[in-house]
Amino acid sequence: MSSNRNMETRSLLDELRSFETGGFLDLGHPLLNRMADSFVKAAGIGAIQAVSREAYFTAIERLDSSSGMPTEISGGKKHRFPDLKGETNRKSLEAMVKNTGKESIQWGLAAGVYSGLTYGLKEARGAHDWKNSAVAGAVTGVALALTFDDSSHEQIVQCAITGAAISTAANLLTGIF
């Protein structure tokens, strides 16, 4: 009975603090927990980033149209979501939800794959070093490149190299800063 009482008196802050130690999900294995937790957190960040970017471009477009200057002269950029200009608000909203969902999945995929690989490589090799980071970054870069609509061989290789370089640099700079 006292445990039910304790659950009723917990504040929102207590609930949020519990995520720091336990994560969002308990799937029964540390690898799965880590991957799922990273996926959920990064997917949320990806959705916020996609919606805020679209809001920014919409606001800039409105300012450009009210000033009468062509978009090319005023420095405005094209929307990342080209389908957002539907015939109705409903079609625009559907396009934004679809594109935001896709970007959320991309962010979540990248975080989940990277987190799972770094954990798995650390367990398999018994060490967490720049080599693990390079492999995890490269595989994550490939996975992310494969989610693009028009991924080419060159783009896949470039994403693998970029992922490996960023991950390795982050690992090497961890002790410095």
C-alpha atoms as a PDB file:
ATOM      1  CA  MET A   1       0.000   0.000   0.000  1.00  0.00           C
ATOM      2  CA  SER A   2       2.850   2.406   0.766  1.00  0.00           C
ATOM      3  CA  SER A   3       4.413   1.862  -2.684  1.00  0.00           C
ATOM      4  CA  ASN A   4       1.159   2.988  -4.326  1.00  0.00           C
ATOM      5  CA  ARG A   5       1.151   6.042  -2.117  1.00  0.00           C
ATOM      6  CA  ASN A   6       4.732   6.807  -3.107  1.00  0.00           C
ATOM      7  CA  MET A   7       3.846   6.589  -6.803  1.00  0.00           C
ATOM      8  CA  GLU A   8       0.961   9.004  -6.302  1.00  0.00           C
ATOM      9  CA  THR A   9       3.114  11.648  -4.623  1.00  0.00           C
ATOM     10  CA  ARG A  10       5.980  11.597  -7.118  1.00  0.00           C
ATOM     11  CA  SER A  11       6.412  14.851  -8.966  1.00  0.00           C
ATOM     12  CA  LEU A  12       7.093  15.364 -12.653  1.00  0.00           C
ATOM     13  CA  LEU A  13      10.673  16.249 -11.766  1.00  0.00           C
ATOM     14  CA  ASP A  14      11.064  12.885  -9.995  1.00  0.00           C
ATOM     15  CA  GLU A  15       9.763  11.121 -13.098  1.00  0.00           C
ATOM     16  CA  LEU A  16      12.188  12.961 -15.365  1.00  0.00           C
ATOM     17  CA  ARG A  17      15.114  12.171 -13.061  1.00  0.00           C
ATOM     18  CA  SER A  18      14.279   8.479 -13.223  1.00  0.00           C
ATOM     19  CA  PHE A  19      14.922   8.555 -16.998  1.00  0.00           C
ATOM     20  CA  GLU A  20      18.559   9.473 -16.371  1.00  0.00           C
ATOM     21  CA  THR A  21      19.212   6.216 -14.552  1.00  0.00           C
ATOM     22  CA  GLY A  22      16.792   3.759 -16.106  1.00  0.00           C
ATOM     23  CA  GLY A  23      16.012   4.991 -19.582  1.00  0.00           C
ATOM     24  CA  PHE A  24      12.643   4.988 -21.303  1.00  0.00           C
ATOM     25  CA  LEU A  25      12.299   1.281 -21.903  1.00  0.00           C
ATOM     26  CA  ASP A  26      13.387  -1.968 -20.320  1.00  0.00           C
ATOM     27  CA  LEU A  27      13.700  -4.600 -23.022  1.00  0.00           C
ATOM     28  CA  GLY A  28      15.600  -7.070 -20.862  1.00  0.00           C
ATOM     29  CA  HIS A  29      19.099  -6.599 -22.277  1.00  0.00           C
ATOM     30  CA  PRO A  30      21.485  -3.646 -21.893  1.00  0.00           C
ATOM     31  CA  LEU A  31      22.217  -3.543 -25.638  1.00  0.00           C
ATOM     32  CA  LEU A  32      18.545  -3.383 -26.586  1.00  0.00           C
ATOM     33  CA  ASN A  33      17.816  -0.867 -23.823  1.00  0.00           C
ATOM     34  CA  ARG A  34      20.631   1.389 -24.972  1.00  0.00           C
ATOM     35  CA  MET A  35      19.627   1.226 -28.637  1.00  0.00           C
ATOM     36  CA  ALA A  36      15.947   1.861 -27.929  1.00  0.00           C
ATOM     37  CA  ASP A  37      16.701   4.701 -25.524  1.00  0.00           C
ATOM     38  CA  SER A  38      19.028   6.379 -28.041  1.00  0.00           C
ATOM     39  CA  PHE A  39      16.502   5.902 -30.834  1.00  0.00           C
ATOM     40  CA  VAL A  40      13.647   7.487 -28.860  1.00  0.00           C
ATOM     41  CA  LYS A  41      15.707  10.464 -27.680  1.00  0.00           C
ATOM     42  CA  ALA A  42      17.240  11.200 -31.085  1.00  0.00           C
ATOM     43  CA  ALA A  43      13.941  10.739 -32.934  1.00  0.00           C
ATOM     44  CA  GLY A  44      12.389  13.386 -30.697  1.00  0.00           C
ATOM     45  CA  ILE A  45      15.269  15.739 -31.357  1.00  0.00           C
ATOM     46  CA  GLY A  46      14.982  15.080 -35.097  1.00  0.00           C
ATOM     47  CA  ALA A  47      11.277  15.922 -35.068  1.00  0.00           C
ATOM     48  CA  ILE A  48      11.854  19.165 -33.176  1.00  0.00           C
ATOM     49  CA  GLN A  49      14.677  20.112 -35.529  1.00  0.00           C
ATOM     50  CA  ALA A  50      12.598  19.381 -38.658  1.00  0.00           C
ATOM     51  CA  VAL A  51       9.579  21.369 -37.466  1.00  0.00           C
ATOM     52  CA  SER A  52      11.669  24.328 -36.268  1.00  0.00           C
ATOM     53  CA  ARG A  53      13.583  24.437 -39.566  1.00  0.00           C
ATOM     54  CA  GLU A  54      10.323  24.458 -41.511  1.00  0.00           C
ATOM     55  CA  ALA A  55       8.927  27.205 -39.275  1.00  0.00           C
ATOM     56  CA  TYR A  56      12.057  29.257 -39.904  1.00  0.00           C
ATOM     57  CA  PHE A  57      11.834  28.873 -43.689  1.00  0.00           C
ATOM     58  CA  THR A  58       8.123  29.702 -43.630  1.00  0.00           C
ATOM     59  CA  ALA A  59       8.783  32.876 -41.623  1.00  0.00           C
ATOM     60  CA  ILE A  60      11.626  33.935 -43.938  1.00  0.00           C
ATOM     61  CA  GLU A  61       9.447  33.271 -46.974  1.00  0.00           C
ATOM     62  CA  ARG A  62       6.672  35.446 -45.511  1.00  0.00           C
ATOM     63  CA  LEU A  63       9.135  38.262 -44.837  1.00  0.00           C
ATOM     64  CA  ASP A  64      10.519  38.021 -48.372  1.00  0.00           C
ATOM     65  CA  SER A  65       7.049  38.081 -49.924  1.00  0.00           C
ATOM     66  CA  SER A  66       6.007  41.100 -47.840  1.00  0.00           C
ATOM     67  CA  SER A  67       9.126  43.062 -48.847  1.00  0.00           C
ATOM     68  CA  GLY A  68       8.548  42.373 -52.537  1.00  0.00           C
ATOM     69  CA  MET A  69      12.106  41.181 -53.094  1.00  0.00           C
ATOM     70  CA  PRO A  70      12.646  37.996 -55.106  1.00  0.00           C
ATOM     71  CA  THR A  71      13.779  35.050 -52.973  1.00  0.00           C
ATOM     72  CA  GLU A  72      17.043  34.757 -54.931  1.00  0.00           C
ATOM     73  CA  ILE A  73      18.036  38.350 -54.108  1.00  0.00           C
ATOM     74  CA  SER A  74      16.995  38.367 -50.463  1.00  0.00           C
ATOM     75  CA  GLY A  75      18.867  35.138 -49.694  1.00  0.00           C
ATOM     76  CA  GLY A  76      15.836  32.967 -48.923  1.00  0.00           C
ATOM     77  CA  LYS A  77      16.244  29.237 -49.330  1.00  0.00           C
ATOM     78  CA  LYS A  78      13.952  26.568 -50.642  1.00  0.00           C
ATOM     79  CA  HIS A  79      12.010  24.467 -48.186  1.00  0.00           C
ATOM     80  CA  ARG A  80      13.572  21.176 -47.202  1.00  0.00           C
ATOM     81  CA  PHE A  81      10.067  19.727 -47.505  1.00  0.00           C
ATOM     82  CA  PRO A  82       8.996  20.588 -51.078  1.00  0.00           C
ATOM     83  CA  ASP A  83       5.560  18.957 -50.698  1.00  0.00           C
ATOM     84  CA  LEU A  84       4.623  21.316 -47.893  1.00  0.00           C
ATOM     85  CA  LYS A  85       2.906  23.693 -50.299  1.00  0.00           C
ATOM     86  CA  GLY A  86      -0.246  21.638 -50.753  1.00  0.00           C
ATOM     87  CA  GLU A  87      -3.497  22.947 -52.219  1.00  0.00           C
ATOM     88  CA  THR A  88      -5.008  23.003 -48.734  1.00  0.00           C
ATOM     89  CA  ASN A  89      -3.774  23.358 -45.201  1.00  0.00           C
ATOM     90  CA  ARG A  90      -4.638  19.698 -44.620  1.00  0.00           C
ATOM     91  CA  LYS A  91      -2.341  18.546 -47.433  1.00  0.00           C
ATOM     92  CA  SER A  92       0.422  20.802 -46.144  1.00  0.00           C
ATOM     93  CA  LEU A  93       0.003  19.397 -42.641  1.00  0.00           C
ATOM     94  CA  GLU A  94       0.039  15.828 -43.974  1.00  0.00           C
ATOM     95  CA  ALA A  95       3.248  16.550 -45.895  1.00  0.00           C
ATOM     96  CA  MET A  96       4.873  18.090 -42.821  1.00  0.00           C
ATOM     97  CA  VAL A  97       3.909  15.141 -40.601  1.00  0.00           C
ATOM     98  CA  LYS A  98       5.179  12.655 -43.205  1.00  0.00           C
ATOM     99  CA  ASN A  99       8.474  14.456 -43.706  1.00  0.00           C
ATOM    100  CA  THR A 100       8.981  15.104 -40.000  1.00  0.00           C
ATOM    101  CA  GLY A 101       8.361  11.424 -39.296  1.00  0.00           C
ATOM    102  CA  LYS A 102      10.887  10.414 -41.929  1.00  0.00           C
ATOM    103  CA  GLU A 103      13.522  12.726 -40.492  1.00  0.00           C
ATOM    104  CA  SER A 104      12.764  11.503 -36.955  1.00  0.00           C
ATOM    105  CA  ILE A 105      13.304   7.919 -38.092  1.00  0.00           C
ATOM    106  CA  GLN A 106      16.622   8.920 -39.693  1.00  0.00           C
ATOM    107  CA  TRP A 107      17.868  10.594 -36.509  1.00  0.00           C
ATOM    108  CA  GLY A 108      16.670   7.694 -34.379  1.00  0.00           C
ATOM    109  CA  LEU A 109      18.220   5.127 -36.699  1.00  0.00           C
ATOM    110  CA  ALA A 110      21.577   6.889 -36.609  1.00  0.00           C
ATOM    111  CA  ALA A 111      21.575   7.162 -32.809  1.00  0.00           C
ATOM    112  CA  GLY A 112      20.348   3.607 -32.247  1.00  0.00           C
ATOM    113  CA  VAL A 113      22.818   2.025 -34.661  1.00  0.00           C
ATOM    114  CA  TYR A 114      25.736   4.050 -33.311  1.00  0.00           C
ATOM    115  CA  SER A 115      24.873   3.401 -29.679  1.00  0.00           C
ATOM    116  CA  GLY A 116      24.337  -0.303 -30.260  1.00  0.00           C
ATOM    117  CA  LEU A 117      27.570  -0.696 -32.202  1.00  0.00           C
ATOM    118  CA  THR A 118      29.718   1.154 -29.678  1.00  0.00           C
ATOM    119  CA  TYR A 119      28.235  -0.940 -26.862  1.00  0.00           C
ATOM    120  CA  GLY A 120      28.583  -4.208 -28.802  1.00  0.00           C
ATOM    121  CA  LEU A 121      32.139  -3.499 -29.895  1.00  0.00           C
ATOM    122  CA  LYS A 122      33.124  -2.532 -26.363  1.00  0.00           C
ATOM    123  CA  GLU A 123      31.708  -5.815 -25.058  1.00  0.00           C
ATOM    124  CA  ALA A 124      33.283  -7.874 -27.851  1.00  0.00           C
ATOM    125  CA  ARG A 125      36.737  -6.285 -27.767  1.00  0.00           C
ATOM    126  CA  GLY A 126      36.847  -5.438 -24.084  1.00  0.00           C
ATOM    127  CA  ALA A 127      37.903  -1.854 -24.757  1.00  0.00           C
ATOM    128  CA  HIS A 128      36.332   1.403 -25.828  1.00  0.00           C
ATOM    129  CA  ASP A 129      38.806   3.176 -28.080  1.00  0.00           C
ATOM    130  CA  TRP A 130      39.019   5.128 -31.311  1.00  0.00           C
ATOM    131  CA  LYS A 131      38.834   1.926 -33.360  1.00  0.00           C
ATOM    132  CA  ASN A 132      35.365   1.121 -32.016  1.00  0.00           C
ATOM    133  CA  SER A 133      34.298   4.704 -32.677  1.00  0.00           C
ATOM    134  CA  ALA A 134      35.611   4.624 -36.247  1.00  0.00           C
ATOM    135  CA  VAL A 135      33.792   1.375 -37.092  1.00  0.00           C
ATOM    136  CA  ALA A 136      30.560   2.469 -35.392  1.00  0.00           C
ATOM    137  CA  GLY A 137      30.686   5.862 -37.136  1.00  0.00           C
ATOM    138  CA  ALA A 138      31.321   4.319 -40.549  1.00  0.00           C
ATOM    139  CA  VAL A 139      28.497   1.771 -40.254  1.00  0.00           C
ATOM    140  CA  THR A 140      26.149   4.470 -38.933  1.00  0.00           C
ATOM    141  CA  GLY A 141      27.077   6.707 -41.868  1.00  0.00           C
ATOM    142  CA  VAL A 142      26.264   3.913 -44.323  1.00  0.00           C
ATOM    143  CA  ALA A 143      22.939   3.193 -42.595  1.00  0.00           C
ATOM    144  CA  LEU A 144      22.023   6.875 -42.701  1.00  0.00           C
ATOM    145  CA  ALA A 145      23.022   7.232 -46.370  1.00  0.00           C
ATOM    146  CA  LEU A 146      20.801   4.297 -47.289  1.00  0.00           C
ATOM    147  CA  THR A 147      17.765   6.191 -45.944  1.00  0.00           C
ATOM    148  CA  PHE A 148      18.221   9.016 -48.462  1.00  0.00           C
ATOM    149  CA  ASP A 149      15.883   9.068 -51.449  1.00  0.00           C
ATOM    150  CA  ASP A 150      18.633   9.198 -54.043  1.00  0.00           C
ATOM    151  CA  SER A 151      21.664   7.590 -52.404  1.00  0.00           C
ATOM    152  CA  SER A 152      24.538   6.890 -54.747  1.00  0.00           C
ATOM    153  CA  HIS A 153      27.668   4.826 -54.222  1.00  0.00           C
ATOM    154  CA  GLU A 154      29.723   7.986 -53.775  1.00  0.00           C
ATOM    155  CA  GLN A 155      27.276   9.384 -51.215  1.00  0.00           C
ATOM    156  CA  ILE A 156      27.334   6.142 -49.208  1.00  0.00           C
ATOM    157  CA  VAL A 157      31.144   6.133 -49.129  1.00  0.00           C
ATOM    158  CA  GLN A 158      31.220   9.829 -48.207  1.00  0.00           C
ATOM    159  CA  CYS A 159      28.773   9.277 -45.325  1.00  0.00           C
ATOM    160  CA  ALA A 160      30.820   6.318 -44.077  1.00  0.00           C
ATOM    161  CA  ILE A 161      34.036   8.352 -44.095  1.00  0.00           C
ATOM    162  CA  THR A 162      32.341  11.360 -42.487  1.00  0.00           C
ATOM    163  CA  GLY A 163      30.723   9.222 -39.788  1.00  0.00           C
ATOM    164  CA  ALA A 164      34.017   7.502 -38.989  1.00  0.00           C
ATOM    165  CA  ALA A 165      35.907  10.805 -38.872  1.00  0.00           C
ATOM    166  CA  ILE A 166      33.401  12.594 -36.637  1.00  0.00           C
ATOM    167  CA  SER A 167      33.064   9.639 -34.286  1.00  0.00           C
ATOM    168  CA  THR A 168      36.815   9.122 -34.026  1.00  0.00           C
ATOM    169  CA  ALA A 169      37.449  12.828 -33.422  1.00  0.00           C
ATOM    170  CA  ALA A 170      34.777  12.901 -30.717  1.00  0.00           C
ATOM    171  CA  ASN A 171      36.335   9.867 -29.039  1.00  0.00           C
ATOM    172  CA  LEU A 172      39.865  11.323 -29.167  1.00  0.00           C
ATOM    173  CA  LEU A 173      38.728  14.751 -27.915  1.00  0.00           C
ATOM    174  CA  THR A 174      36.679  13.336 -25.030  1.00  0.00           C
ATOM    175  CA  GLY A 175      39.583  13.462 -22.585  1.00  0.00           C
ATOM    176  CA  ILE A 176      40.784  16.887 -23.670  1.00  0.00           C
ATOM    177  CA  PHE A 177      37.653  18.939 -23.070  1.00  0.00           C
END
